[in-house]
Amino acid sequence: MKITFADKKLEKLIIDDRKLLREFGRIRAAKVKTRLDQLNAIFSLEEARYISGNYHELKGTRKGQWACDLDQPYRLIFVPHEKPIPVNESGQCVWVEILGVEVIEITNYHKEK
């Protein structure tokens, strides 16, 4: 799967192991790397349903975004490259048609409530 980043600052942070470690600590930095490796190894987002990380669609104000677990309560947040997001007749996202994602942030979105 193709992975891009929302901006150069985020990309540099994630790609530079030392910066990532300094910003997020050992455990979260390792989880970020693991999740990116997982995404890189699959063909479509559908395959993420069957690997560790709890990949899931978000709702409410974050509709159109996906997340996967890092260390609780932090998540890696991303959006599909496909515009518009592919949906079936029932309006459900078709994960198998999502072939690339853009990482937009690493956050604890639960504190937004």
C-alpha atoms as a PDB file:
ATOM      1  CA  MET A   1       0.000   0.000   0.000  1.00  0.00           C
ATOM      2  CA  LYS A   2       1.251   3.469  -0.799  1.00  0.00           C
ATOM      3  CA  ILE A   3       1.769   5.704   2.252  1.00  0.00           C
ATOM      4  CA  THR A   4       2.140   9.476   2.179  1.00  0.00           C
ATOM      5  CA  PHE A   5       2.124  12.117   4.902  1.00  0.00           C
ATOM      6  CA  ALA A   6      -0.051  15.196   5.429  1.00  0.00           C
ATOM      7  CA  ASP A   7       2.955  17.514   5.533  1.00  0.00           C
ATOM      8  CA  LYS A   8       6.756  17.539   5.434  1.00  0.00           C
ATOM      9  CA  LYS A   9       7.066  18.155   9.178  1.00  0.00           C
ATOM     10  CA  LEU A  10       5.114  14.991  10.014  1.00  0.00           C
ATOM     11  CA  GLU A  11       6.998  13.000   7.387  1.00  0.00           C
ATOM     12  CA  LYS A  12      10.397  14.091   8.758  1.00  0.00           C
ATOM     13  CA  LEU A  13       9.292  13.304  12.303  1.00  0.00           C
ATOM     14  CA  ILE A  14       8.141   9.792  11.411  1.00  0.00           C
ATOM     15  CA  ILE A  15      11.015   8.917   9.076  1.00  0.00           C
ATOM     16  CA  ASP A  16      13.783  10.126  11.405  1.00  0.00           C
ATOM     17  CA  ASP A  17      14.042   7.451  14.107  1.00  0.00           C
ATOM     18  CA  ARG A  18      15.797   9.787  16.553  1.00  0.00           C
ATOM     19  CA  LYS A  19      13.161  12.521  16.193  1.00  0.00           C
ATOM     20  CA  LEU A  20      10.369   9.978  16.512  1.00  0.00           C
ATOM     21  CA  LEU A  21      11.914   8.506  19.659  1.00  0.00           C
ATOM     22  CA  ARG A  22      12.484  11.943  21.202  1.00  0.00           C
ATOM     23  CA  GLU A  23       8.921  13.112  20.436  1.00  0.00           C
ATOM     24  CA  PHE A  24       6.972   9.978  21.426  1.00  0.00           C
ATOM     25  CA  GLY A  25       9.195   7.754  23.537  1.00  0.00           C
ATOM     26  CA  ARG A  26      10.385   4.219  22.879  1.00  0.00           C
ATOM     27  CA  ILE A  27       7.066   2.356  23.063  1.00  0.00           C
ATOM     28  CA  ARG A  28       4.970   4.693  20.905  1.00  0.00           C
ATOM     29  CA  ALA A  29       7.796   5.204  18.389  1.00  0.00           C
ATOM     30  CA  ALA A  30       8.110   1.434  17.969  1.00  0.00           C
ATOM     31  CA  LYS A  31       4.340   1.078  17.493  1.00  0.00           C
ATOM     32  CA  VAL A  32       4.320   3.823  14.837  1.00  0.00           C
ATOM     33  CA  LYS A  33       7.048   1.993  12.915  1.00  0.00           C
ATOM     34  CA  THR A  34       5.193  -1.324  13.261  1.00  0.00           C
ATOM     35  CA  ARG A  35       1.914   0.131  11.965  1.00  0.00           C
ATOM     36  CA  LEU A  36       3.640   1.785   8.997  1.00  0.00           C
ATOM     37  CA  ASP A  37       5.413  -1.486   8.177  1.00  0.00           C
ATOM     38  CA  GLN A  38       2.047  -3.274   8.322  1.00  0.00           C
ATOM     39  CA  LEU A  39       0.420  -0.755   5.977  1.00  0.00           C
ATOM     40  CA  ASN A  40       3.390  -0.898   3.633  1.00  0.00           C
ATOM     41  CA  ALA A  41       3.149  -4.694   3.430  1.00  0.00           C
ATOM     42  CA  ILE A  42      -0.513  -4.927   2.398  1.00  0.00           C
ATOM     43  CA  PHE A  43      -2.135  -4.326  -0.987  1.00  0.00           C
ATOM     44  CA  SER A  44      -5.447  -2.807   0.109  1.00  0.00           C
ATOM     45  CA  LEU A  45      -6.889  -1.554   3.378  1.00  0.00           C
ATOM     46  CA  GLU A  46      -9.142  -4.643   3.457  1.00  0.00           C
ATOM     47  CA  GLU A  47      -6.127  -6.707   4.544  1.00  0.00           C
ATOM     48  CA  ALA A  48      -5.700  -4.476   7.617  1.00  0.00           C
ATOM     49  CA  ARG A  49      -8.902  -5.955   9.043  1.00  0.00           C
ATOM     50  CA  TYR A  50      -7.024  -9.227   9.638  1.00  0.00           C
ATOM     51  CA  ILE A  51      -3.809  -7.976  11.254  1.00  0.00           C
ATOM     52  CA  SER A  52      -3.098  -6.645  14.722  1.00  0.00           C
ATOM     53  CA  GLY A  53      -3.613  -2.959  15.360  1.00  0.00           C
ATOM     54  CA  ASN A  54      -7.405  -2.606  15.413  1.00  0.00           C
ATOM     55  CA  TYR A  55      -7.691  -0.691  12.125  1.00  0.00           C
ATOM     56  CA  HIS A  56     -11.068   1.023  12.093  1.00  0.00           C
ATOM     57  CA  GLU A  57     -13.152   3.770  10.520  1.00  0.00           C
ATOM     58  CA  LEU A  58     -13.874   6.815  12.634  1.00  0.00           C
ATOM     59  CA  LYS A  59     -17.258   8.474  13.070  1.00  0.00           C
ATOM     60  CA  GLY A  60     -18.736  11.858  13.853  1.00  0.00           C
ATOM     61  CA  THR A  61     -16.447  14.807  13.175  1.00  0.00           C
ATOM     62  CA  ARG A  62     -13.736  12.374  12.064  1.00  0.00           C
ATOM     63  CA  LYS A  63     -15.868  10.583   9.453  1.00  0.00           C
ATOM     64  CA  GLY A  64     -13.697   9.755   6.433  1.00  0.00           C
ATOM     65  CA  GLN A  65     -10.675   9.068   8.623  1.00  0.00           C
ATOM     66  CA  TRP A  66      -9.284   5.755   9.841  1.00  0.00           C
ATOM     67  CA  ALA A  67      -7.228   4.917  12.911  1.00  0.00           C
ATOM     68  CA  CYS A  68      -5.116   2.122  14.289  1.00  0.00           C
ATOM     69  CA  ASP A  69      -3.940   1.568  17.848  1.00  0.00           C
ATOM     70  CA  LEU A  70      -0.548   2.636  19.100  1.00  0.00           C
ATOM     71  CA  ASP A  71      -0.107   2.660  22.871  1.00  0.00           C
ATOM     72  CA  GLN A  72      -3.392   3.424  24.644  1.00  0.00           C
ATOM     73  CA  PRO A  73      -5.003   5.886  24.145  1.00  0.00           C
ATOM     74  CA  TYR A  74      -2.926   7.084  21.160  1.00  0.00           C
ATOM     75  CA  ARG A  75      -3.784   6.342  17.532  1.00  0.00           C
ATOM     76  CA  LEU A  76      -2.204   6.729  14.108  1.00  0.00           C
ATOM     77  CA  ILE A  77      -4.788   8.615  12.019  1.00  0.00           C
ATOM     78  CA  PHE A  78      -4.960   8.401   8.224  1.00  0.00           C
ATOM     79  CA  VAL A  79      -7.233   9.081   5.259  1.00  0.00           C
ATOM     80  CA  PRO A  80      -7.543   7.181   1.978  1.00  0.00           C
ATOM     81  CA  HIS A  81      -5.887   8.538  -1.156  1.00  0.00           C
ATOM     82  CA  GLU A  82      -9.045   7.669  -3.100  1.00  0.00           C
ATOM     83  CA  LYS A  83     -11.301  10.680  -3.621  1.00  0.00           C
ATOM     84  CA  PRO A  84     -14.161  10.220  -3.230  1.00  0.00           C
ATOM     85  CA  ILE A  85     -13.854   7.383  -0.747  1.00  0.00           C
ATOM     86  CA  PRO A  86     -15.300   4.271  -2.422  1.00  0.00           C
ATOM     87  CA  VAL A  87     -18.658   3.211  -0.980  1.00  0.00           C
ATOM     88  CA  ASN A  88     -21.168   0.487  -1.802  1.00  0.00           C
ATOM     89  CA  GLU A  89     -24.906   0.885  -2.439  1.00  0.00           C
ATOM     90  CA  SER A  90     -25.528   0.966   1.333  1.00  0.00           C
ATOM     91  CA  GLY A  91     -23.061   3.802   1.839  1.00  0.00           C
ATOM     92  CA  GLN A  92     -20.461   1.615   3.574  1.00  0.00           C
ATOM     93  CA  CYS A  93     -16.801   2.180   2.739  1.00  0.00           C
ATOM     94  CA  VAL A  94     -15.297  -0.442   0.441  1.00  0.00           C
ATOM     95  CA  TRP A  95     -11.974  -1.153   2.126  1.00  0.00           C
ATOM     96  CA  VAL A  96     -10.719  -3.403  -0.674  1.00  0.00           C
ATOM     97  CA  GLU A  97     -10.699  -0.433  -3.075  1.00  0.00           C
ATOM     98  CA  ILE A  98      -8.482   1.698  -0.814  1.00  0.00           C
ATOM     99  CA  LEU A  99      -4.944   1.212  -2.116  1.00  0.00           C
ATOM    100  CA  GLY A 100      -3.132   4.105  -0.455  1.00  0.00           C
ATOM    101  CA  VAL A 101      -3.352   6.261   2.653  1.00  0.00           C
ATOM    102  CA  GLU A 102      -2.121   9.619   3.887  1.00  0.00           C
ATOM    103  CA  VAL A 103      -1.014   9.736   7.519  1.00  0.00           C
ATOM    104  CA  ILE A 104      -2.418  12.925   9.023  1.00  0.00           C
ATOM    105  CA  GLU A 105      -1.561  12.732  12.718  1.00  0.00           C
ATOM    106  CA  ILE A 106      -0.650  10.787  15.826  1.00  0.00           C
ATOM    107  CA  THR A 107      -3.018  11.726  18.626  1.00  0.00           C
ATOM    108  CA  ASN A 108      -5.323  10.813  21.467  1.00  0.00           C
ATOM    109  CA  TYR A 109      -8.606  11.793  19.820  1.00  0.00           C
ATOM    110  CA  HIS A 110     -10.624  10.552  22.801  1.00  0.00           C
ATOM    111  CA  LYS A 111      -9.719  13.677  24.773  1.00  0.00           C
ATOM    112  CA  GLU A 112     -11.562  15.770  22.136  1.00  0.00           C
ATOM    113  CA  LYS A 113     -14.945  14.708  23.529  1.00  0.00           C
END
